[in-house]
Amino acid sequence: MLIEYFEKFNLRINDFDCHDRILMSSILDIFQDVAGKHATKLGVGFHDLLKKNRIWVVVRTKFDIYKQPKQEET
């Protein structure tokens, strides 16, 4: 079973606000992409569950930013 899943993302200029802080919406988009790919690898992705008439939903999310990333950083 694939317990951990890692992926690198290149941050783009439009992932940041006018004060060069990463947008919360960009962080959540990245989380959604990673969660979807990880779920697919585990066999519980969107299409896998759709065949079984099931879905999974994230209803609450909390995260902390320990280091503010910079534009075009990976």
C-alpha atoms as a PDB file:
ATOM      1  CA  MET A   1       0.000   0.000   0.000  1.00  0.00           C
ATOM      2  CA  LEU A   2       1.246   3.478  -0.880  1.00  0.00           C
ATOM      3  CA  ILE A   3       1.131   5.254   2.499  1.00  0.00           C
ATOM      4  CA  GLU A   4       3.011   8.395   1.425  1.00  0.00           C
ATOM      5  CA  TYR A   5       2.800  10.235  -1.858  1.00  0.00           C
ATOM      6  CA  PHE A   6       5.136  13.028  -2.936  1.00  0.00           C
ATOM      7  CA  GLU A   7       4.993  15.342  -5.896  1.00  0.00           C
ATOM      8  CA  LYS A   8       6.839  18.531  -6.805  1.00  0.00           C
ATOM      9  CA  PHE A   9       4.980  21.599  -8.049  1.00  0.00           C
ATOM     10  CA  ASN A  10       6.412  24.655  -9.736  1.00  0.00           C
ATOM     11  CA  LEU A  11       4.757  27.704  -8.238  1.00  0.00           C
ATOM     12  CA  ARG A  12       3.647  30.267 -10.775  1.00  0.00           C
ATOM     13  CA  ILE A  13       3.334  34.009 -10.553  1.00  0.00           C
ATOM     14  CA  ASN A  14      -0.473  33.780 -10.470  1.00  0.00           C
ATOM     15  CA  ASP A  15      -0.241  31.609  -7.307  1.00  0.00           C
ATOM     16  CA  PHE A  16       0.692  34.760  -5.363  1.00  0.00           C
ATOM     17  CA  ASP A  17      -1.037  37.957  -4.310  1.00  0.00           C
ATOM     18  CA  CYS A  18       0.242  41.510  -4.855  1.00  0.00           C
ATOM     19  CA  HIS A  19       2.349  41.213  -1.665  1.00  0.00           C
ATOM     20  CA  ASP A  20       4.104  38.043  -2.920  1.00  0.00           C
ATOM     21  CA  ARG A  21       2.242  35.779  -0.477  1.00  0.00           C
ATOM     22  CA  ILE A  22       0.974  32.474  -1.769  1.00  0.00           C
ATOM     23  CA  LEU A  23      -2.796  32.400  -2.228  1.00  0.00           C
ATOM     24  CA  MET A  24      -4.798  30.063  -0.022  1.00  0.00           C
ATOM     25  CA  SER A  25      -6.744  29.004  -3.121  1.00  0.00           C
ATOM     26  CA  SER A  26      -3.476  27.927  -4.793  1.00  0.00           C
ATOM     27  CA  ILE A  27      -2.478  25.845  -1.782  1.00  0.00           C
ATOM     28  CA  LEU A  28      -5.885  24.153  -1.730  1.00  0.00           C
ATOM     29  CA  ASP A  29      -5.696  23.497  -5.500  1.00  0.00           C
ATOM     30  CA  ILE A  30      -2.349  21.765  -4.994  1.00  0.00           C
ATOM     31  CA  PHE A  31      -3.777  19.739  -2.091  1.00  0.00           C
ATOM     32  CA  GLN A  32      -6.714  18.667  -4.265  1.00  0.00           C
ATOM     33  CA  ASP A  33      -4.444  17.614  -7.148  1.00  0.00           C
ATOM     34  CA  VAL A  34      -2.182  15.586  -4.856  1.00  0.00           C
ATOM     35  CA  ALA A  35      -5.097  13.981  -2.994  1.00  0.00           C
ATOM     36  CA  GLY A  36      -6.756  12.951  -6.257  1.00  0.00           C
ATOM     37  CA  LYS A  37      -3.593  11.392  -7.682  1.00  0.00           C
ATOM     38  CA  HIS A  38      -2.819   9.610  -4.418  1.00  0.00           C
ATOM     39  CA  ALA A  39      -6.382   8.293  -4.148  1.00  0.00           C
ATOM     40  CA  THR A  40      -6.198   6.974  -7.726  1.00  0.00           C
ATOM     41  CA  LYS A  41      -2.962   5.129  -6.957  1.00  0.00           C
ATOM     42  CA  LEU A  42      -4.633   3.615  -3.884  1.00  0.00           C
ATOM     43  CA  GLY A  43      -7.629   2.469  -5.949  1.00  0.00           C
ATOM     44  CA  VAL A  44     -10.056   4.890  -4.301  1.00  0.00           C
ATOM     45  CA  GLY A  45      -9.966   7.672  -6.896  1.00  0.00           C
ATOM     46  CA  PHE A  46     -12.972   9.378  -8.457  1.00  0.00           C
ATOM     47  CA  HIS A  47     -13.562   6.816 -11.225  1.00  0.00           C
ATOM     48  CA  ASP A  48     -12.873   3.841  -8.927  1.00  0.00           C
ATOM     49  CA  LEU A  49     -15.480   4.971  -6.442  1.00  0.00           C
ATOM     50  CA  LEU A  50     -17.967   6.091  -9.088  1.00  0.00           C
ATOM     51  CA  LYS A  51     -18.143   2.476 -10.311  1.00  0.00           C
ATOM     52  CA  LYS A  52     -19.193   1.506  -6.761  1.00  0.00           C
ATOM     53  CA  ASN A  53     -21.676   4.387  -6.435  1.00  0.00           C
ATOM     54  CA  ARG A  54     -19.538   6.034  -3.740  1.00  0.00           C
ATOM     55  CA  ILE A  55     -17.605   9.264  -3.241  1.00  0.00           C
ATOM     56  CA  TRP A  56     -15.276  10.790  -0.679  1.00  0.00           C
ATOM     57  CA  VAL A  57     -15.496  14.410   0.376  1.00  0.00           C
ATOM     58  CA  VAL A  58     -13.208  16.702   2.347  1.00  0.00           C
ATOM     59  CA  VAL A  59     -15.441  18.819   4.547  1.00  0.00           C
ATOM     60  CA  ARG A  60     -12.888  20.707   6.611  1.00  0.00           C
ATOM     61  CA  THR A  61      -9.283  21.692   5.984  1.00  0.00           C
ATOM     62  CA  LYS A  62      -6.725  23.355   8.217  1.00  0.00           C
ATOM     63  CA  PHE A  63      -3.098  24.021   7.396  1.00  0.00           C
ATOM     64  CA  ASP A  64      -0.194  26.129   8.602  1.00  0.00           C
ATOM     65  CA  ILE A  65       2.426  27.808   6.438  1.00  0.00           C
ATOM     66  CA  TYR A  66       5.810  27.447   8.101  1.00  0.00           C
ATOM     67  CA  LYS A  67       7.814  29.069   5.327  1.00  0.00           C
ATOM     68  CA  GLN A  68       6.382  31.461   2.761  1.00  0.00           C
ATOM     69  CA  PRO A  69       7.359  30.130  -0.689  1.00  0.00           C
ATOM     70  CA  LYS A  70       8.670  32.416  -3.391  1.00  0.00           C
ATOM     71  CA  GLN A  71       7.426  32.805  -6.951  1.00  0.00           C
ATOM     72  CA  GLU A  72       8.732  30.175  -9.390  1.00  0.00           C
ATOM     73  CA  GLU A  73      10.026  28.050  -6.503  1.00  0.00           C
ATOM     74  CA  THR A  74       9.504  24.279  -6.578  1.00  0.00           C
END
